[in-house]
PDB file of N, CA and C in Angstrom:
ATOM      1  N   MET A   1     180.893 127.502 117.647  1.00  0.00           N
ATOM      2  CA  MET A   1     180.706 128.876 118.079  1.00  0.00           C
ATOM      3  C   MET A   1     181.568 129.780 117.209  1.00  0.00           C
ATOM      4  N   LYS A   2     181.094 130.978 116.987  1.00  0.00           N
ATOM      5  CA  LYS A   2     181.800 131.932 116.141  1.00  0.00           C
ATOM      6  C   LYS A   2     182.567 132.932 116.995  1.00  0.00           C
ATOM      7  N   ILE A   3     183.847 133.116 116.625  1.00  0.00           N
ATOM      8  CA  ILE A   3     184.760 134.027 117.311  1.00  0.00           C
ATOM      9  C   ILE A   3     185.232 135.050 116.287  1.00  0.00           C
ATOM     10  N   LYS A   4     185.306 136.319 116.680  1.00  0.00           N
ATOM     11  CA  LYS A   4     185.859 137.349 115.810  1.00  0.00           C
ATOM     12  C   LYS A   4     187.345 137.496 116.143  1.00  0.00           C
ATOM     13  N   VAL A   5     188.204 137.413 115.128  1.00  0.00           N
ATOM     14  CA  VAL A   5     189.655 137.404 115.331  1.00  0.00           C
ATOM     15  C   VAL A   5     190.304 138.556 114.568  1.00  0.00           C
ATOM     16  N   LYS A   6     191.301 139.171 115.218  1.00  0.00           N
ATOM     17  CA  LYS A   6     192.153 140.158 114.561  1.00  0.00           C
ATOM     18  C   LYS A   6     193.594 139.709 114.757  1.00  0.00           C
ATOM     19  N   LEU A   7     194.312 139.564 113.650  1.00  0.00           N
ATOM     20  CA  LEU A   7     195.727 139.214 113.694  1.00  0.00           C
ATOM     21  C   LEU A   7     196.527 140.473 113.397  1.00  0.00           C
ATOM     22  N   TYR A   8     197.557 140.728 114.190  1.00  0.00           N
ATOM     23  CA  TYR A   8     198.316 141.953 114.053  1.00  0.00           C
ATOM     24  C   TYR A   8     199.721 141.703 113.524  1.00  0.00           C
ATOM     25  N   ALA A   9     200.270 142.762 112.914  1.00  0.00           N
ATOM     26  CA  ALA A   9     201.631 142.771 112.372  1.00  0.00           C
ATOM     27  C   ALA A   9     201.839 141.599 111.412  1.00  0.00           C
ATOM     28  N   THR A  10     202.889 140.837 111.625  1.00  0.00           N
ATOM     29  CA  THR A  10     203.242 139.760 110.694  1.00  0.00           C
ATOM     30  C   THR A  10     202.278 138.582 110.743  1.00  0.00           C
ATOM     31  N   PHE A  11     201.403 138.519 111.734  1.00  0.00           N
ATOM     32  CA  PHE A  11     200.472 137.390 111.833  1.00  0.00           C
ATOM     33  C   PHE A  11     199.392 137.404 110.757  1.00  0.00           C
ATOM     34  N   SER A  12     199.242 138.495 110.035  1.00  0.00           N
ATOM     35  CA  SER A  12     198.241 138.522 108.969  1.00  0.00           C
ATOM     36  C   SER A  12     198.533 137.448 107.918  1.00  0.00           C
ATOM     37  N   ARG A  13     199.758 136.967 107.856  1.00  0.00           N
ATOM     38  CA  ARG A  13     200.104 135.905 106.887  1.00  0.00           C
ATOM     39  C   ARG A  13     199.393 134.587 107.204  1.00  0.00           C
ATOM     40  N   TYR A  14     198.869 134.436 108.411  1.00  0.00           N
ATOM     41  CA  TYR A  14     198.153 133.211 108.782  1.00  0.00           C
ATOM     42  C   TYR A  14     196.680 133.246 108.363  1.00  0.00           C
ATOM     43  N   HIS A  15     196.251 134.355 107.797  1.00  0.00           N
ATOM     44  CA  HIS A  15     194.912 134.434 107.205  1.00  0.00           C
ATOM     45  C   HIS A  15     195.040 135.264 105.931  1.00  0.00           C
ATOM     46  N   PRO A  16     195.556 134.647 104.860  1.00  0.00           N
ATOM     47  CA  PRO A  16     195.813 135.376 103.613  1.00  0.00           C
ATOM     48  C   PRO A  16     194.579 136.120 103.115  1.00  0.00           C
ATOM     49  N   GLY A  17     194.826 137.287 102.559  1.00  0.00           N
ATOM     50  CA  GLY A  17     193.740 138.102 102.035  1.00  0.00           C
ATOM     51  C   GLY A  17     193.154 139.046 103.061  1.00  0.00           C
ATOM     52  N   THR A  18     193.638 138.980 104.297  1.00  0.00           N
ATOM     53  CA  THR A  18     193.156 139.859 105.363  1.00  0.00           C
ATOM     54  C   THR A  18     194.290 140.783 105.788  1.00  0.00           C
ATOM     55  N   LEU A  19     194.030 142.076 105.810  1.00  0.00           N
ATOM     56  CA  LEU A  19     195.029 143.028 106.282  1.00  0.00           C
ATOM     57  C   LEU A  19     195.182 142.916 107.789  1.00  0.00           C
ATOM     58  N   ALA A  20     196.377 143.219 108.278  1.00  0.00           N
ATOM     59  CA  ALA A  20     196.625 143.178 109.722  1.00  0.00           C
ATOM     60  C   ALA A  20     195.604 144.037 110.459  1.00  0.00           C
ATOM     61  N   GLY A  21     195.023 143.486 111.514  1.00  0.00           N
ATOM     62  CA  GLY A  21     194.067 144.201 112.339  1.00  0.00           C
ATOM     63  C   GLY A  21     192.638 144.194 111.814  1.00  0.00           C
ATOM     64  N   THR A  22     192.418 143.564 110.652  1.00  0.00           N
ATOM     65  CA  THR A  22     191.074 143.481 110.091  1.00  0.00           C
ATOM     66  C   THR A  22     190.380 142.245 110.653  1.00  0.00           C
ATOM     67  N   PRO A  23     189.186 142.403 111.216  1.00  0.00           N
ATOM     68  CA  PRO A  23     188.521 141.246 111.830  1.00  0.00           C
ATOM     69  C   PRO A  23     188.003 140.245 110.797  1.00  0.00           C
ATOM     70  N   PHE A  24     188.034 138.979 111.192  1.00  0.00           N
ATOM     71  CA  PHE A  24     187.423 137.907 110.420  1.00  0.00           C
ATOM     72  C   PHE A  24     186.850 136.908 111.410  1.00  0.00           C
ATOM     73  N   GLU A  25     185.948 136.073 110.943  1.00  0.00           N
ATOM     74  CA  GLU A  25     185.252 135.146 111.820  1.00  0.00           C
ATOM     75  C   GLU A  25     185.833 133.744 111.703  1.00  0.00           C
ATOM     76  N   VAL A  26     185.939 133.073 112.840  1.00  0.00           N
ATOM     77  CA  VAL A  26     186.393 131.679 112.900  1.00  0.00           C
ATOM     78  C   VAL A  26     185.326 130.886 113.643  1.00  0.00           C
ATOM     79  N   ASP A  27     185.008 129.716 113.124  1.00  0.00           N
ATOM     80  CA  ASP A  27     184.028 128.831 113.761  1.00  0.00           C
ATOM     81  C   ASP A  27     184.795 127.727 114.489  1.00  0.00           C
ATOM     82  N   LEU A  28     184.610 127.639 115.810  1.00  0.00           N
ATOM     83  CA  LEU A  28     185.298 126.650 116.645  1.00  0.00           C
ATOM     84  C   LEU A  28     184.273 125.820 117.410  1.00  0.00           C
ATOM     85  N   PRO A  29     184.657 124.618 117.823  1.00  0.00           N
ATOM     86  CA  PRO A  29     183.754 123.820 118.665  1.00  0.00           C
ATOM     87  C   PRO A  29     183.531 124.489 120.023  1.00  0.00           C
ATOM     88  N   ALA A  30     182.362 124.305 120.599  1.00  0.00           N
ATOM     89  CA  ALA A  30     182.082 124.816 121.943  1.00  0.00           C
ATOM     90  C   ALA A  30     183.119 124.265 122.912  1.00  0.00           C
ATOM     91  N   GLY A  31     183.528 125.086 123.859  1.00  0.00           N
ATOM     92  CA  GLY A  31     184.511 124.666 124.851  1.00  0.00           C
ATOM     93  C   GLY A  31     185.956 124.904 124.426  1.00  0.00           C
ATOM     94  N   SER A  32     186.161 125.520 123.262  1.00  0.00           N
ATOM     95  CA  SER A  32     187.522 125.774 122.780  1.00  0.00           C
ATOM     96  C   SER A  32     188.208 126.843 123.623  1.00  0.00           C
ATOM     97  N   THR A  33     189.524 126.768 123.655  1.00  0.00           N
ATOM     98  CA  THR A  33     190.335 127.741 124.375  1.00  0.00           C
ATOM     99  C   THR A  33     191.067 128.635 123.379  1.00  0.00           C
ATOM    100  N   LEU A  34     191.716 129.649 123.907  1.00  0.00           N
ATOM    101  CA  LEU A  34     192.548 130.517 123.084  1.00  0.00           C
ATOM    102  C   LEU A  34     193.651 129.691 122.414  1.00  0.00           C
ATOM    103  N   ARG A  35     194.207 128.746 123.122  1.00  0.00           N
ATOM    104  CA  ARG A  35     195.231 127.861 122.558  1.00  0.00           C
ATOM    105  C   ARG A  35     194.667 127.072 121.365  1.00  0.00           C
ATOM    106  N   ASP A  36     193.422 126.592 121.487  1.00  0.00           N
ATOM    107  CA  ASP A  36     192.781 125.870 120.384  1.00  0.00           C
ATOM    108  C   ASP A  36     192.654 126.766 119.156  1.00  0.00           C
ATOM    109  N   LEU A  37     192.293 128.028 119.367  1.00  0.00           N
ATOM    110  CA  LEU A  37     192.172 128.969 118.261  1.00  0.00           C
ATOM    111  C   LEU A  37     193.513 129.164 117.567  1.00  0.00           C
ATOM    112  N   ILE A  38     194.562 129.370 118.353  1.00  0.00           N
ATOM    113  CA  ILE A  38     195.898 129.576 117.790  1.00  0.00           C
ATOM    114  C   ILE A  38     196.329 128.346 116.989  1.00  0.00           C
ATOM    115  N   ASN A  39     196.068 127.167 117.518  1.00  0.00           N
ATOM    116  CA  ASN A  39     196.399 125.940 116.788  1.00  0.00           C
ATOM    117  C   ASN A  39     195.556 125.809 115.522  1.00  0.00           C
ATOM    118  N   HIS A  40     194.281 126.177 115.591  1.00  0.00           N
ATOM    119  CA  HIS A  40     193.393 126.134 114.419  1.00  0.00           C
ATOM    120  C   HIS A  40     193.930 127.034 113.302  1.00  0.00           C
ATOM    121  N   LEU A  41     194.470 128.191 113.680  1.00  0.00           N
ATOM    122  CA  LEU A  41     195.022 129.141 112.707  1.00  0.00           C
ATOM    123  C   LEU A  41     196.434 128.765 112.267  1.00  0.00           C
ATOM    124  N   GLU A  42     196.990 127.715 112.874  1.00  0.00           N
ATOM    125  CA  GLU A  42     198.336 127.218 112.578  1.00  0.00           C
ATOM    126  C   GLU A  42     199.418 128.264 112.858  1.00  0.00           C
ATOM    127  N   ILE A  43     199.209 129.021 113.935  1.00  0.00           N
ATOM    128  CA  ILE A  43     200.222 129.970 114.403  1.00  0.00           C
ATOM    129  C   ILE A  43     201.072 129.257 115.448  1.00  0.00           C
ATOM    130  N   PRO A  44     202.391 129.214 115.283  1.00  0.00           N
ATOM    131  CA  PRO A  44     203.232 128.578 116.305  1.00  0.00           C
ATOM    132  C   PRO A  44     203.114 129.316 117.646  1.00  0.00           C
ATOM    133  N   GLU A  45     202.799 128.575 118.693  1.00  0.00           N
ATOM    134  CA  GLU A  45     202.640 129.195 120.017  1.00  0.00           C
ATOM    135  C   GLU A  45     203.866 129.991 120.431  1.00  0.00           C
ATOM    136  N   SER A  46     205.041 129.526 120.022  1.00  0.00           N
ATOM    137  CA  SER A  46     206.280 130.206 120.404  1.00  0.00           C
ATOM    138  C   SER A  46     206.381 131.604 119.796  1.00  0.00           C
ATOM    139  N   GLU A  47     205.582 131.896 118.763  1.00  0.00           N
ATOM    140  CA  GLU A  47     205.597 133.215 118.127  1.00  0.00           C
ATOM    141  C   GLU A  47     204.573 134.174 118.731  1.00  0.00           C
ATOM    142  N   VAL A  48     203.680 133.678 119.582  1.00  0.00           N
ATOM    143  CA  VAL A  48     202.626 134.512 120.155  1.00  0.00           C
ATOM    144  C   VAL A  48     203.161 135.237 121.387  1.00  0.00           C
ATOM    145  N   LYS A  49     203.038 136.569 121.379  1.00  0.00           N
ATOM    146  CA  LYS A  49     203.509 137.358 122.509  1.00  0.00           C
ATOM    147  C   LYS A  49     202.358 137.754 123.442  1.00  0.00           C
ATOM    148  N   VAL A  50     201.270 138.302 122.880  1.00  0.00           N
ATOM    149  CA  VAL A  50     200.151 138.787 123.682  1.00  0.00           C
ATOM    150  C   VAL A  50     198.841 138.448 122.983  1.00  0.00           C
ATOM    151  N   CYS A  51     197.850 138.041 123.781  1.00  0.00           N
ATOM    152  CA  CYS A  51     196.501 137.799 123.267  1.00  0.00           C
ATOM    153  C   CYS A  51     195.502 138.555 124.117  1.00  0.00           C
ATOM    154  N   PHE A  52     194.544 139.155 123.440  1.00  0.00           N
ATOM    155  CA  PHE A  52     193.453 139.840 124.105  1.00  0.00           C
ATOM    156  C   PHE A  52     192.157 139.112 123.790  1.00  0.00           C
ATOM    157  N   VAL A  53     191.305 138.956 124.768  1.00  0.00           N
ATOM    158  CA  VAL A  53     189.949 138.465 124.569  1.00  0.00           C
ATOM    159  C   VAL A  53     189.028 139.530 125.139  1.00  0.00           C
ATOM    160  N   ASN A  54     188.204 140.096 124.278  1.00  0.00           N
ATOM    161  CA  ASN A  54     187.306 141.183 124.676  1.00  0.00           C
ATOM    162  C   ASN A  54     188.075 142.303 125.386  1.00  0.00           C
ATOM    163  N   ALA A  55     189.205 142.693 124.779  1.00  0.00           N
ATOM    164  CA  ALA A  55     190.034 143.819 125.226  1.00  0.00           C
ATOM    165  C   ALA A  55     190.770 143.575 126.547  1.00  0.00           C
ATOM    166  N   ARG A  56     190.881 142.317 126.978  1.00  0.00           N
ATOM    167  CA  ARG A  56     191.624 141.994 128.209  1.00  0.00           C
ATOM    168  C   ARG A  56     192.708 140.973 127.884  1.00  0.00           C
ATOM    169  N   ILE A  57     193.919 141.209 128.375  1.00  0.00           N
ATOM    170  CA  ILE A  57     195.008 140.255 128.163  1.00  0.00           C
ATOM    171  C   ILE A  57     194.642 138.940 128.832  1.00  0.00           C
ATOM    172  N   GLN A  58     194.847 137.840 128.113  1.00  0.00           N
ATOM    173  CA  GLN A  58     194.487 136.522 128.627  1.00  0.00           C
ATOM    174  C   GLN A  58     195.600 135.510 128.354  1.00  0.00           C
ATOM    175  N   GLU A  59     195.630 134.477 129.190  1.00  0.00           N
ATOM    176  CA  GLU A  59     196.530 133.347 128.989  1.00  0.00           C
ATOM    177  C   GLU A  59     195.930 132.418 127.940  1.00  0.00           C
ATOM    178  N   LEU A  60     196.756 131.559 127.363  1.00  0.00           N
ATOM    179  CA  LEU A  60     196.315 130.685 126.275  1.00  0.00           C
ATOM    180  C   LEU A  60     195.280 129.647 126.690  1.00  0.00           C
ATOM    181  N   ASP A  61     195.171 129.349 127.970  1.00  0.00           N
ATOM    182  CA  ASP A  61     194.223 128.321 128.413  1.00  0.00           C
ATOM    183  C   ASP A  61     192.834 128.868 128.746  1.00  0.00           C
ATOM    184  N   VAL A  62     192.616 130.155 128.527  1.00  0.00           N
ATOM    185  CA  VAL A  62     191.299 130.734 128.823  1.00  0.00           C
ATOM    186  C   VAL A  62     190.265 130.188 127.829  1.00  0.00           C
ATOM    187  N   GLY A  63     189.081 129.897 128.348  1.00  0.00           N
ATOM    188  CA  GLY A  63     187.998 129.413 127.501  1.00  0.00           C
ATOM    189  C   GLY A  63     187.385 130.547 126.691  1.00  0.00           C
ATOM    190  N   LEU A  64     186.957 130.224 125.482  1.00  0.00           N
ATOM    191  CA  LEU A  64     186.313 131.201 124.617  1.00  0.00           C
ATOM    192  C   LEU A  64     184.809 130.959 124.589  1.00  0.00           C
ATOM    193  N   ASN A  65     184.068 132.021 124.302  1.00  0.00           N
ATOM    194  CA  ASN A  65     182.609 131.958 124.229  1.00  0.00           C
ATOM    195  C   ASN A  65     182.137 132.543 122.905  1.00  0.00           C
ATOM    196  N   GLU A  66     180.965 132.126 122.500  1.00  0.00           N
ATOM    197  CA  GLU A  66     180.330 132.651 121.289  1.00  0.00           C
ATOM    198  C   GLU A  66     180.396 134.179 121.287  1.00  0.00           C
ATOM    199  N   GLY A  67     180.872 134.745 120.179  1.00  0.00           N
ATOM    200  CA  GLY A  67     180.901 136.195 120.024  1.00  0.00           C
ATOM    201  C   GLY A  67     182.116 136.894 120.595  1.00  0.00           C
ATOM    202  N   ASP A  68     183.040 136.157 121.236  1.00  0.00           N
ATOM    203  CA  ASP A  68     184.246 136.794 121.765  1.00  0.00           C
ATOM    204  C   ASP A  68     185.034 137.446 120.638  1.00  0.00           C
ATOM    205  N   GLU A  69     185.745 138.512 120.989  1.00  0.00           N
ATOM    206  CA  GLU A  69     186.636 139.188 120.059  1.00  0.00           C
ATOM    207  C   GLU A  69     188.062 138.992 120.548  1.00  0.00           C
ATOM    208  N   VAL A  70     188.899 138.420 119.679  1.00  0.00           N
ATOM    209  CA  VAL A  70     190.260 138.031 120.040  1.00  0.00           C
ATOM    210  C   VAL A  70     191.261 138.800 119.184  1.00  0.00           C
ATOM    211  N   GLY A  71     192.289 139.333 119.827  1.00  0.00           N
ATOM    212  CA  GLY A  71     193.423 139.952 119.125  1.00  0.00           C
ATOM    213  C   GLY A  71     194.679 139.176 119.467  1.00  0.00           C
ATOM    214  N   ILE A  72     195.475 138.844 118.449  1.00  0.00           N
ATOM    215  CA  ILE A  72     196.683 138.050 118.652  1.00  0.00           C
ATOM    216  C   ILE A  72     197.869 138.841 118.087  1.00  0.00           C
ATOM    217  N   PHE A  73     198.898 139.019 118.931  1.00  0.00           N
ATOM    218  CA  PHE A  73     200.060 139.830 118.567  1.00  0.00           C
ATOM    219  C   PHE A  73     201.354 139.014 118.637  1.00  0.00           C
ATOM    220  N   PRO A  74     202.247 139.220 117.661  1.00  0.00           N
ATOM    221  CA  PRO A  74     203.597 138.666 117.762  1.00  0.00           C
ATOM    222  C   PRO A  74     204.455 139.638 118.576  1.00  0.00           C
ATOM    223  N   PRO A  75     205.701 139.259 118.900  1.00  0.00           N
ATOM    224  CA  PRO A  75     206.601 140.238 119.514  1.00  0.00           C
ATOM    225  C   PRO A  75     206.778 141.407 118.536  1.00  0.00           C
ATOM    226  N   VAL A  76     206.815 142.619 119.054  1.00  0.00           N
ATOM    227  CA  VAL A  76     206.939 143.789 118.205  1.00  0.00           C
ATOM    228  C   VAL A  76     208.280 144.442 118.484  1.00  0.00           C
ATOM    229  N   GLY A  77     209.005 144.749 117.425  1.00  0.00           N
ATOM    230  CA  GLY A  77     210.305 145.402 117.567  1.00  0.00           C
ATOM    231  C   GLY A  77     210.228 146.809 117.023  1.00  0.00           C
ATOM    232  N   GLY A  78     211.230 147.540 117.272  1.00  0.00           N
ATOM    233  CA  GLY A  78     211.279 148.899 116.756  1.00  0.00           C
ATOM    234  C   GLY A  78     212.172 149.746 117.620  1.00  0.00           C
ATOM    235  N   GLY A  79     212.350 150.941 117.252  1.00  0.00           N
ATOM    236  CA  GLY A  79     213.220 151.761 118.046  1.00  0.00           C
ATOM    237  C   GLY A  79     213.100 153.133 117.702  1.00  0.00           C
TER     238      GLY A  79
END
């Protein structure tokens, strides 16, 4: 199944050649979870702060479906 992914801030380094927040497609086996996607992208789970699936905050064990749009954010600092 194909998932549209957007990586934000420093996570763009896990998909070289893609600017932060620019969507790209990932092909995953049916029945995959958000955690499976993060592992597929080789992002350490400990670095993930917030994930959105179709504009809703979700836990890592949520199942994904064909055509879902996922945003993955690291902790954000600033002041």
